[in-house]
Amino acid sequence: MAQIEKVGAKRLVVGAHYGTMDFIAQRVTAIILAVYTLVLLVGFLTMSGFNYAGWKNLFTFTCLTFPMGRVLASLAMISLAWHAWIGVRDIWMDYVKPVGLRMFLQVMTILWLVGSLVYFVHILWRI
């Protein structure tokens, strides 16, 4: 009996579990972002003054000398980048058919997201 070879153009790319991890990752990152939005909303509503010091305290508060505000903001930004990557990658895979153009767009998306994360970390951990 001949064995089916799953390499190259004949590999199986559909099935019951194809994309399940991406689905779960997008839901988890959405939950993280929703919780962080609620934390920011509570912080905003309890802020002492609508000035630079108040905004700075939203992102620099500590809990037992642990920089909780920065860690939560960093986790939210990483979640946002991962969530965006999954969504934009799926758009490129679904609607851009030329492989070279799709690969170029995916690489540019990765570079943009990584650059945004680096810029965010640079700004957040500098204040």
C-alpha atoms as a PDB file:
ATOM      1  CA  MET A   1       0.000   0.000   0.000  1.00  0.00           C
ATOM      2  CA  ALA A   2       1.391   3.383  -1.012  1.00  0.00           C
ATOM      3  CA  GLN A   3       2.019   5.939   1.699  1.00  0.00           C
ATOM      4  CA  ILE A   4       0.648   9.455   1.138  1.00  0.00           C
ATOM      5  CA  GLU A   5       3.421  12.040   1.062  1.00  0.00           C
ATOM      6  CA  LYS A   6       2.493  15.298   2.831  1.00  0.00           C
ATOM      7  CA  VAL A   7       5.290  17.492   1.503  1.00  0.00           C
ATOM      8  CA  GLY A   8       5.190  20.472  -0.838  1.00  0.00           C
ATOM      9  CA  ALA A   9       2.067  21.377  -2.783  1.00  0.00           C
ATOM     10  CA  LYS A  10       0.330  18.121  -1.768  1.00  0.00           C
ATOM     11  CA  ARG A  11       0.491  18.709   1.976  1.00  0.00           C
ATOM     12  CA  LEU A  12      -2.717  18.919   3.965  1.00  0.00           C
ATOM     13  CA  VAL A  13      -3.375  22.524   5.038  1.00  0.00           C
ATOM     14  CA  VAL A  14      -6.970  22.198   6.153  1.00  0.00           C
ATOM     15  CA  GLY A  15      -8.594  20.152   8.833  1.00  0.00           C
ATOM     16  CA  ALA A  16     -10.424  20.222  12.109  1.00  0.00           C
ATOM     17  CA  HIS A  17      -7.590  21.856  14.067  1.00  0.00           C
ATOM     18  CA  TYR A  18      -6.042  24.156  11.470  1.00  0.00           C
ATOM     19  CA  GLY A  19      -6.069  27.664  12.918  1.00  0.00           C
ATOM     20  CA  THR A  20      -7.293  26.651  16.360  1.00  0.00           C
ATOM     21  CA  MET A  21      -4.220  28.033  18.126  1.00  0.00           C
ATOM     22  CA  ASP A  22      -4.571  31.358  16.280  1.00  0.00           C
ATOM     23  CA  PHE A  23      -8.240  31.502  17.270  1.00  0.00           C
ATOM     24  CA  ILE A  24      -7.383  30.860  20.917  1.00  0.00           C
ATOM     25  CA  ALA A  25      -4.468  33.337  20.856  1.00  0.00           C
ATOM     26  CA  GLN A  26      -6.692  36.089  19.480  1.00  0.00           C
ATOM     27  CA  ARG A  27      -9.323  35.464  22.150  1.00  0.00           C
ATOM     28  CA  VAL A  28      -6.730  35.430  24.958  1.00  0.00           C
ATOM     29  CA  THR A  29      -5.077  38.640  23.736  1.00  0.00           C
ATOM     30  CA  ALA A  30      -8.508  40.272  23.400  1.00  0.00           C
ATOM     31  CA  ILE A  31      -9.293  39.371  27.016  1.00  0.00           C
ATOM     32  CA  ILE A  32      -5.946  40.801  28.185  1.00  0.00           C
ATOM     33  CA  LEU A  33      -6.645  44.017  26.274  1.00  0.00           C
ATOM     34  CA  ALA A  34     -10.173  44.264  27.683  1.00  0.00           C
ATOM     35  CA  VAL A  35      -8.947  43.805  31.249  1.00  0.00           C
ATOM     36  CA  TYR A  36      -6.191  46.371  30.732  1.00  0.00           C
ATOM     37  CA  THR A  37      -8.731  48.804  29.290  1.00  0.00           C
ATOM     38  CA  LEU A  38     -10.801  48.423  32.456  1.00  0.00           C
ATOM     39  CA  VAL A  39      -7.685  48.986  34.611  1.00  0.00           C
ATOM     40  CA  LEU A  40      -6.926  52.170  32.652  1.00  0.00           C
ATOM     41  CA  LEU A  41     -10.537  53.320  32.915  1.00  0.00           C
ATOM     42  CA  VAL A  42     -10.566  52.858  36.693  1.00  0.00           C
ATOM     43  CA  GLY A  43      -7.205  54.615  36.917  1.00  0.00           C
ATOM     44  CA  PHE A  44      -8.470  57.469  34.765  1.00  0.00           C
ATOM     45  CA  LEU A  45     -11.657  57.892  36.810  1.00  0.00           C
ATOM     46  CA  THR A  46      -9.727  57.906  40.093  1.00  0.00           C
ATOM     47  CA  MET A  47      -6.931  60.146  38.798  1.00  0.00           C
ATOM     48  CA  SER A  48      -6.319  63.123  41.056  1.00  0.00           C
ATOM     49  CA  GLY A  49      -5.750  65.635  38.279  1.00  0.00           C
ATOM     50  CA  PHE A  50      -5.978  65.744  34.530  1.00  0.00           C
ATOM     51  CA  ASN A  51      -2.337  66.717  34.033  1.00  0.00           C
ATOM     52  CA  TYR A  52       1.021  65.161  33.130  1.00  0.00           C
ATOM     53  CA  ALA A  53       1.653  63.853  36.649  1.00  0.00           C
ATOM     54  CA  GLY A  54      -1.730  62.084  36.670  1.00  0.00           C
ATOM     55  CA  TRP A  55      -1.110  60.461  33.293  1.00  0.00           C
ATOM     56  CA  LYS A  56       2.390  59.465  34.347  1.00  0.00           C
ATOM     57  CA  ASN A  57       1.033  57.787  37.479  1.00  0.00           C
ATOM     58  CA  LEU A  58      -1.263  55.625  35.318  1.00  0.00           C
ATOM     59  CA  PHE A  59       1.816  53.949  33.839  1.00  0.00           C
ATOM     60  CA  THR A  60       4.375  54.167  36.642  1.00  0.00           C
ATOM     61  CA  PHE A  61       2.516  52.987  39.741  1.00  0.00           C
ATOM     62  CA  THR A  62       4.225  50.316  41.816  1.00  0.00           C
ATOM     63  CA  CYS A  63       3.067  47.479  44.031  1.00  0.00           C
ATOM     64  CA  LEU A  64       5.627  46.561  46.708  1.00  0.00           C
ATOM     65  CA  THR A  65       8.431  48.157  44.640  1.00  0.00           C
ATOM     66  CA  PHE A  66       7.347  46.128  41.571  1.00  0.00           C
ATOM     67  CA  PRO A  67       6.699  48.410  38.548  1.00  0.00           C
ATOM     68  CA  MET A  68       3.146  47.136  38.067  1.00  0.00           C
ATOM     69  CA  GLY A  69       2.012  49.950  35.751  1.00  0.00           C
ATOM     70  CA  ARG A  70       4.869  49.432  33.313  1.00  0.00           C
ATOM     71  CA  VAL A  71       4.567  45.645  33.361  1.00  0.00           C
ATOM     72  CA  LEU A  72       0.809  45.768  32.723  1.00  0.00           C
ATOM     73  CA  ALA A  73       1.252  48.313  29.927  1.00  0.00           C
ATOM     74  CA  SER A  74       4.010  46.200  28.365  1.00  0.00           C
ATOM     75  CA  LEU A  75       1.855  43.053  28.565  1.00  0.00           C
ATOM     76  CA  ALA A  76      -1.017  44.929  26.934  1.00  0.00           C
ATOM     77  CA  MET A  77       1.201  46.227  24.124  1.00  0.00           C
ATOM     78  CA  ILE A  78       2.664  42.767  23.460  1.00  0.00           C
ATOM     79  CA  SER A  79      -0.880  41.384  23.396  1.00  0.00           C
ATOM     80  CA  LEU A  80      -1.934  44.128  20.995  1.00  0.00           C
ATOM     81  CA  ALA A  81       0.970  43.393  18.645  1.00  0.00           C
ATOM     82  CA  TRP A  82       0.304  39.651  18.707  1.00  0.00           C
ATOM     83  CA  HIS A  83      -3.433  40.211  18.162  1.00  0.00           C
ATOM     84  CA  ALA A  84      -2.712  42.551  15.254  1.00  0.00           C
ATOM     85  CA  TRP A  85      -0.204  40.125  13.720  1.00  0.00           C
ATOM     86  CA  ILE A  86      -2.707  37.269  13.666  1.00  0.00           C
ATOM     87  CA  GLY A  87      -5.425  39.441  12.128  1.00  0.00           C
ATOM     88  CA  VAL A  88      -3.287  41.184   9.519  1.00  0.00           C
ATOM     89  CA  ARG A  89      -1.484  37.958   8.602  1.00  0.00           C
ATOM     90  CA  ASP A  90      -4.834  36.289   7.969  1.00  0.00           C
ATOM     91  CA  ILE A  91      -5.878  39.214   5.776  1.00  0.00           C
ATOM     92  CA  TRP A  92      -2.678  38.911   3.725  1.00  0.00           C
ATOM     93  CA  MET A  93      -3.129  35.127   3.442  1.00  0.00           C
ATOM     94  CA  ASP A  94      -6.771  35.407   2.379  1.00  0.00           C
ATOM     95  CA  TYR A  95      -6.666  38.312  -0.064  1.00  0.00           C
ATOM     96  CA  VAL A  96      -3.132  38.615  -1.482  1.00  0.00           C
ATOM     97  CA  LYS A  97      -2.558  35.761  -3.906  1.00  0.00           C
ATOM     98  CA  PRO A  98       0.941  36.441  -5.375  1.00  0.00           C
ATOM     99  CA  VAL A  99       3.313  34.689  -2.982  1.00  0.00           C
ATOM    100  CA  GLY A 100       6.117  37.246  -3.314  1.00  0.00           C
ATOM    101  CA  LEU A 101       3.844  40.196  -2.565  1.00  0.00           C
ATOM    102  CA  ARG A 102       2.228  38.341   0.343  1.00  0.00           C
ATOM    103  CA  MET A 103       5.648  37.525   1.825  1.00  0.00           C
ATOM    104  CA  PHE A 104       6.771  41.146   1.410  1.00  0.00           C
ATOM    105  CA  LEU A 105       3.643  42.438   3.155  1.00  0.00           C
ATOM    106  CA  GLN A 106       4.041  39.936   5.986  1.00  0.00           C
ATOM    107  CA  VAL A 107       7.688  40.908   6.520  1.00  0.00           C
ATOM    108  CA  MET A 108       6.776  44.613   6.481  1.00  0.00           C
ATOM    109  CA  THR A 109       4.002  43.944   9.007  1.00  0.00           C
ATOM    110  CA  ILE A 110       6.424  42.117  11.305  1.00  0.00           C
ATOM    111  CA  LEU A 111       8.979  44.915  11.034  1.00  0.00           C
ATOM    112  CA  TRP A 112       6.328  47.535  11.762  1.00  0.00           C
ATOM    113  CA  LEU A 113       4.990  45.640  14.801  1.00  0.00           C
ATOM    114  CA  VAL A 114       8.446  44.938  16.234  1.00  0.00           C
ATOM    115  CA  GLY A 115       9.450  48.567  15.644  1.00  0.00           C
ATOM    116  CA  SER A 116       6.302  49.732  17.412  1.00  0.00           C
ATOM    117  CA  LEU A 117       7.031  47.463  20.368  1.00  0.00           C
ATOM    118  CA  VAL A 118      10.624  48.682  20.641  1.00  0.00           C
ATOM    119  CA  TYR A 119       9.493  52.314  20.450  1.00  0.00           C
ATOM    120  CA  PHE A 120       6.804  51.692  23.071  1.00  0.00           C
ATOM    121  CA  VAL A 121       9.246  50.031  25.476  1.00  0.00           C
ATOM    122  CA  HIS A 122      11.755  52.819  24.910  1.00  0.00           C
ATOM    123  CA  ILE A 123       9.197  55.483  25.810  1.00  0.00           C
ATOM    124  CA  LEU A 124       7.461  53.652  28.656  1.00  0.00           C
ATOM    125  CA  TRP A 125      10.521  52.503  30.578  1.00  0.00           C
ATOM    126  CA  ARG A 126      12.231  55.888  30.165  1.00  0.00           C
ATOM    127  CA  ILE A 127       9.597  57.889  32.090  1.00  0.00           C
END
